[in-house]
PDB file of N, CA and C in Angstrom:
ATOM      1  N   UNK A   1     -27.806  51.305  21.760  1.00  0.00           N
ATOM      2  CA  UNK A   1     -26.178  51.220  21.678  1.00  0.00           C
ATOM      3  C   UNK A   1     -26.123  48.792  21.101  1.00  0.00           C
ATOM      4  N   UNK A   2     -26.834  48.854  22.799  1.00  0.00           N
ATOM      5  CA  UNK A   2     -26.691  47.038  22.885  1.00  0.00           C
ATOM      6  C   UNK A   2     -27.070  46.869  21.539  1.00  0.00           C
ATOM      7  N   UNK A   3     -28.447  46.644  21.172  1.00  0.00           N
ATOM      8  CA  UNK A   3     -29.109  46.272  20.122  1.00  0.00           C
ATOM      9  C   UNK A   3     -28.290  46.238  18.775  1.00  0.00           C
ATOM     10  N   UNK A   4     -27.774  47.151  19.113  1.00  0.00           N
ATOM     11  CA  UNK A   4     -26.622  47.178  17.604  1.00  0.00           C
ATOM     12  C   UNK A   4     -25.796  46.551  17.768  1.00  0.00           C
ATOM     13  N   UNK A   5     -25.276  46.008  18.916  1.00  0.00           N
ATOM     14  CA  UNK A   5     -24.019  45.071  19.214  1.00  0.00           C
ATOM     15  C   UNK A   5     -24.378  43.743  18.966  1.00  0.00           C
ATOM     16  N   UNK A   6     -25.383  43.541  19.518  1.00  0.00           N
ATOM     17  CA  UNK A   6     -26.044  42.098  19.057  1.00  0.00           C
ATOM     18  C   UNK A   6     -26.427  42.224  17.956  1.00  0.00           C
ATOM     19  N   UNK A   7     -27.090  42.959  16.992  1.00  0.00           N
ATOM     20  CA  UNK A   7     -27.182  43.259  15.391  1.00  0.00           C
ATOM     21  C   UNK A   7     -25.883  42.539  14.627  1.00  0.00           C
ATOM     22  N   UNK A   8     -24.593  43.442  15.687  1.00  0.00           N
ATOM     23  CA  UNK A   8     -23.614  42.823  15.021  1.00  0.00           C
ATOM     24  C   UNK A   8     -23.369  41.593  15.451  1.00  0.00           C
ATOM     25  N   UNK A   9     -23.380  41.288  16.129  1.00  0.00           N
ATOM     26  CA  UNK A   9     -22.722  39.711  16.639  1.00  0.00           C
ATOM     27  C   UNK A   9     -23.565  38.791  15.421  1.00  0.00           C
ATOM     28  N   UNK A  10     -24.725  39.055  15.414  1.00  0.00           N
ATOM     29  CA  UNK A  10     -25.253  38.212  14.470  1.00  0.00           C
ATOM     30  C   UNK A  10     -24.813  38.083  12.746  1.00  0.00           C
ATOM     31  N   UNK A  11     -24.720  39.317  12.422  1.00  0.00           N
ATOM     32  CA  UNK A  11     -24.056  39.621  11.260  1.00  0.00           C
ATOM     33  C   UNK A  11     -22.691  39.447  11.151  1.00  0.00           C
ATOM     34  N   UNK A  12     -22.170  39.423  12.175  1.00  0.00           N
ATOM     35  CA  UNK A  12     -20.572  38.478  12.128  1.00  0.00           C
ATOM     36  C   UNK A  12     -20.407  37.119  12.140  1.00  0.00           C
ATOM     37  N   UNK A  13     -21.643  36.147  12.358  1.00  0.00           N
ATOM     38  CA  UNK A  13     -21.453  35.262  12.431  1.00  0.00           C
ATOM     39  C   UNK A  13     -21.429  34.806  11.113  1.00  0.00           C
ATOM     40  N   UNK A  14     -22.685  35.896  10.441  1.00  0.00           N
ATOM     41  CA  UNK A  14     -22.873  35.484   9.397  1.00  0.00           C
ATOM     42  C   UNK A  14     -22.171  35.357   8.264  1.00  0.00           C
ATOM     43  N   UNK A  15     -21.006  36.210   8.287  1.00  0.00           N
ATOM     44  CA  UNK A  15     -19.584  36.933   7.180  1.00  0.00           C
ATOM     45  C   UNK A  15     -18.475  35.656   7.958  1.00  0.00           C
ATOM     46  N   UNK A  16     -18.824  35.670   9.193  1.00  0.00           N
ATOM     47  CA  UNK A  16     -17.744  34.002   9.072  1.00  0.00           C
ATOM     48  C   UNK A  16     -17.716  32.904   8.558  1.00  0.00           C
ATOM     49  N   UNK A  17     -19.321  32.784   8.271  1.00  0.00           N
ATOM     50  CA  UNK A  17     -19.272  31.356   7.331  1.00  0.00           C
ATOM     51  C   UNK A  17     -19.315  31.627   6.293  1.00  0.00           C
ATOM     52  N   UNK A  18     -19.142  33.011   5.809  1.00  0.00           N
ATOM     53  CA  UNK A  18     -18.700  33.242   3.665  1.00  0.00           C
ATOM     54  C   UNK A  18     -17.265  33.754   4.096  1.00  0.00           C
ATOM     55  N   UNK A  19     -16.499  33.604   4.932  1.00  0.00           N
ATOM     56  CA  UNK A  19     -15.123  33.592   5.123  1.00  0.00           C
ATOM     57  C   UNK A  19     -14.596  34.864   5.196  1.00  0.00           C
ATOM     58  N   UNK A  20     -13.702  34.715   4.001  1.00  0.00           N
ATOM     59  CA  UNK A  20     -12.390  36.845   4.049  1.00  0.00           C
ATOM     60  C   UNK A  20     -13.332  37.602   4.100  1.00  0.00           C
ATOM     61  N   UNK A  21     -15.213  37.739   3.783  1.00  0.00           N
ATOM     62  CA  UNK A  21     -15.777  39.120   3.476  1.00  0.00           C
ATOM     63  C   UNK A  21     -15.536  39.701   5.264  1.00  0.00           C
ATOM     64  N   UNK A  22     -15.191  38.571   6.195  1.00  0.00           N
ATOM     65  CA  UNK A  22     -15.676  39.300   7.400  1.00  0.00           C
ATOM     66  C   UNK A  22     -14.255  40.166   8.034  1.00  0.00           C
ATOM     67  N   UNK A  23     -13.586  39.686   6.938  1.00  0.00           N
ATOM     68  CA  UNK A  23     -12.492  40.303   7.107  1.00  0.00           C
ATOM     69  C   UNK A  23     -12.473  41.852   6.143  1.00  0.00           C
ATOM     70  N   UNK A  24     -12.295  42.238   5.208  1.00  0.00           N
ATOM     71  CA  UNK A  24     -13.480  42.997   4.661  1.00  0.00           C
ATOM     72  C   UNK A  24     -13.691  43.672   5.705  1.00  0.00           C
ATOM     73  N   UNK A  25     -15.240  43.512   5.904  1.00  0.00           N
ATOM     74  CA  UNK A  25     -16.068  44.551   6.524  1.00  0.00           C
ATOM     75  C   UNK A  25     -15.827  44.850   7.720  1.00  0.00           C
ATOM     76  N   UNK A  26     -14.493  43.995   8.594  1.00  0.00           N
ATOM     77  CA  UNK A  26     -13.950  45.307   9.160  1.00  0.00           C
ATOM     78  C   UNK A  26     -13.024  45.837   8.911  1.00  0.00           C
ATOM     79  N   UNK A  27     -12.393  45.311   7.676  1.00  0.00           N
ATOM     80  CA  UNK A  27     -12.128  46.666   7.533  1.00  0.00           C
ATOM     81  C   UNK A  27     -12.131  48.240   7.192  1.00  0.00           C
ATOM     82  N   UNK A  28     -13.096  47.957   6.646  1.00  0.00           N
ATOM     83  CA  UNK A  28     -14.239  48.663   6.219  1.00  0.00           C
ATOM     84  C   UNK A  28     -15.009  49.300   7.463  1.00  0.00           C
ATOM     85  N   UNK A  29     -15.949  49.353   8.691  1.00  0.00           N
ATOM     86  CA  UNK A  29     -16.062  49.350   9.663  1.00  0.00           C
ATOM     87  C   UNK A  29     -15.123  49.947  10.845  1.00  0.00           C
ATOM     88  N   UNK A  30     -14.874  50.903  10.614  1.00  0.00           N
ATOM     89  CA  UNK A  30     -13.891  51.682  11.484  1.00  0.00           C
ATOM     90  C   UNK A  30     -15.037  52.217  13.317  1.00  0.00           C
ATOM     91  N   UNK A  31     -15.722  51.239  13.247  1.00  0.00           N
ATOM     92  CA  UNK A  31     -16.543  52.439  14.073  1.00  0.00           C
ATOM     93  C   UNK A  31     -15.852  50.904  15.121  1.00  0.00           C
ATOM     94  N   UNK A  32     -15.793  49.880  15.201  1.00  0.00           N
ATOM     95  CA  UNK A  32     -15.661  48.991  15.536  1.00  0.00           C
ATOM     96  C   UNK A  32     -14.593  48.169  16.058  1.00  0.00           C
ATOM     97  N   UNK A  33     -14.611  48.306  17.199  1.00  0.00           N
ATOM     98  CA  UNK A  33     -13.497  47.993  18.404  1.00  0.00           C
ATOM     99  C   UNK A  33     -12.790  47.358  18.023  1.00  0.00           C
ATOM    100  N   UNK A  34     -11.003  47.944  18.597  1.00  0.00           N
ATOM    101  CA  UNK A  34      -9.955  47.180  18.066  1.00  0.00           C
ATOM    102  C   UNK A  34     -10.609  45.261  19.092  1.00  0.00           C
ATOM    103  N   UNK A  35     -10.745  45.200  20.368  1.00  0.00           N
ATOM    104  CA  UNK A  35     -10.860  44.439  20.734  1.00  0.00           C
ATOM    105  C   UNK A  35     -11.838  43.261  20.382  1.00  0.00           C
ATOM    106  N   UNK A  36     -12.628  43.737  19.721  1.00  0.00           N
ATOM    107  CA  UNK A  36     -13.530  42.599  19.024  1.00  0.00           C
ATOM    108  C   UNK A  36     -13.609  42.194  17.438  1.00  0.00           C
ATOM    109  N   UNK A  37     -12.250  43.198  16.701  1.00  0.00           N
ATOM    110  CA  UNK A  37     -11.449  42.716  15.789  1.00  0.00           C
ATOM    111  C   UNK A  37     -10.500  41.932  16.285  1.00  0.00           C
ATOM    112  N   UNK A  38      -9.806  42.118  17.265  1.00  0.00           N
ATOM    113  CA  UNK A  38      -9.014  41.033  17.205  1.00  0.00           C
ATOM    114  C   UNK A  38      -9.649  39.315  18.106  1.00  0.00           C
ATOM    115  N   UNK A  39     -10.873  39.702  18.303  1.00  0.00           N
ATOM    116  CA  UNK A  39     -12.002  38.466  18.764  1.00  0.00           C
ATOM    117  C   UNK A  39     -12.319  37.515  17.370  1.00  0.00           C
ATOM    118  N   UNK A  40     -12.275  38.509  16.817  1.00  0.00           N
ATOM    119  CA  UNK A  40     -13.293  38.134  15.025  1.00  0.00           C
ATOM    120  C   UNK A  40     -11.947  36.911  14.222  1.00  0.00           C
ATOM    121  N   UNK A  41     -11.273  38.069  14.620  1.00  0.00           N
ATOM    122  CA  UNK A  41      -9.594  37.221  13.419  1.00  0.00           C
ATOM    123  C   UNK A  41      -9.422  36.096  14.355  1.00  0.00           C
ATOM    124  N   UNK A  42      -8.959  35.989  15.978  1.00  0.00           N
ATOM    125  CA  UNK A  42      -8.695  35.008  16.444  1.00  0.00           C
ATOM    126  C   UNK A  42      -9.689  33.600  16.390  1.00  0.00           C
ATOM    127  N   UNK A  43     -11.717  34.091  16.088  1.00  0.00           N
ATOM    128  CA  UNK A  43     -12.451  33.688  15.614  1.00  0.00           C
ATOM    129  C   UNK A  43     -11.744  32.539  14.149  1.00  0.00           C
ATOM    130  N   UNK A  44     -12.136  34.027  13.065  1.00  0.00           N
ATOM    131  CA  UNK A  44     -12.158  33.005  11.882  1.00  0.00           C
ATOM    132  C   UNK A  44     -10.268  32.288  11.640  1.00  0.00           C
ATOM    133  N   UNK A  45      -9.451  32.805  12.537  1.00  0.00           N
ATOM    134  CA  UNK A  45      -8.170  31.362  12.020  1.00  0.00           C
ATOM    135  C   UNK A  45      -8.909  30.292  13.071  1.00  0.00           C
ATOM    136  N   UNK A  46      -9.246  30.440  13.794  1.00  0.00           N
ATOM    137  CA  UNK A  46      -9.519  29.038  14.757  1.00  0.00           C
ATOM    138  C   UNK A  46     -10.571  27.743  13.941  1.00  0.00           C
ATOM    139  N   UNK A  47     -10.866  28.754  12.998  1.00  0.00           N
ATOM    140  CA  UNK A  47     -12.124  28.230  12.341  1.00  0.00           C
ATOM    141  C   UNK A  47     -12.179  27.527  11.150  1.00  0.00           C
ATOM    142  N   UNK A  48     -10.881  28.523  10.504  1.00  0.00           N
ATOM    143  CA  UNK A  48     -10.093  27.838   9.343  1.00  0.00           C
ATOM    144  C   UNK A  48      -9.300  26.788   9.838  1.00  0.00           C
ATOM    145  N   UNK A  49      -8.425  26.899  10.984  1.00  0.00           N
ATOM    146  CA  UNK A  49      -7.874  25.260  11.378  1.00  0.00           C
ATOM    147  C   UNK A  49      -8.501  24.122  11.584  1.00  0.00           C
ATOM    148  N   UNK A  50     -10.267  24.370  11.903  1.00  0.00           N
ATOM    149  CA  UNK A  50     -11.064  23.844  12.358  1.00  0.00           C
ATOM    150  C   UNK A  50     -11.291  22.858  10.640  1.00  0.00           C
ATOM    151  N   UNK A  51     -11.549  23.633   9.745  1.00  0.00           N
ATOM    152  CA  UNK A  51     -11.579  23.249   8.746  1.00  0.00           C
ATOM    153  C   UNK A  51     -10.244  22.782   7.925  1.00  0.00           C
TER     154      UNK A  51
END
């Protein structure tokens, strides 16, 4: 379980670089916790503000 979460982390970092793809993946994979979704959405929003 822990290794899959680490793999998810790397995947999410790469998806954040490609923008909206992360949101699409979050919508499709329902096994992700809502907490992780909130964190990712806030990260994506903060990345947009920085850019």
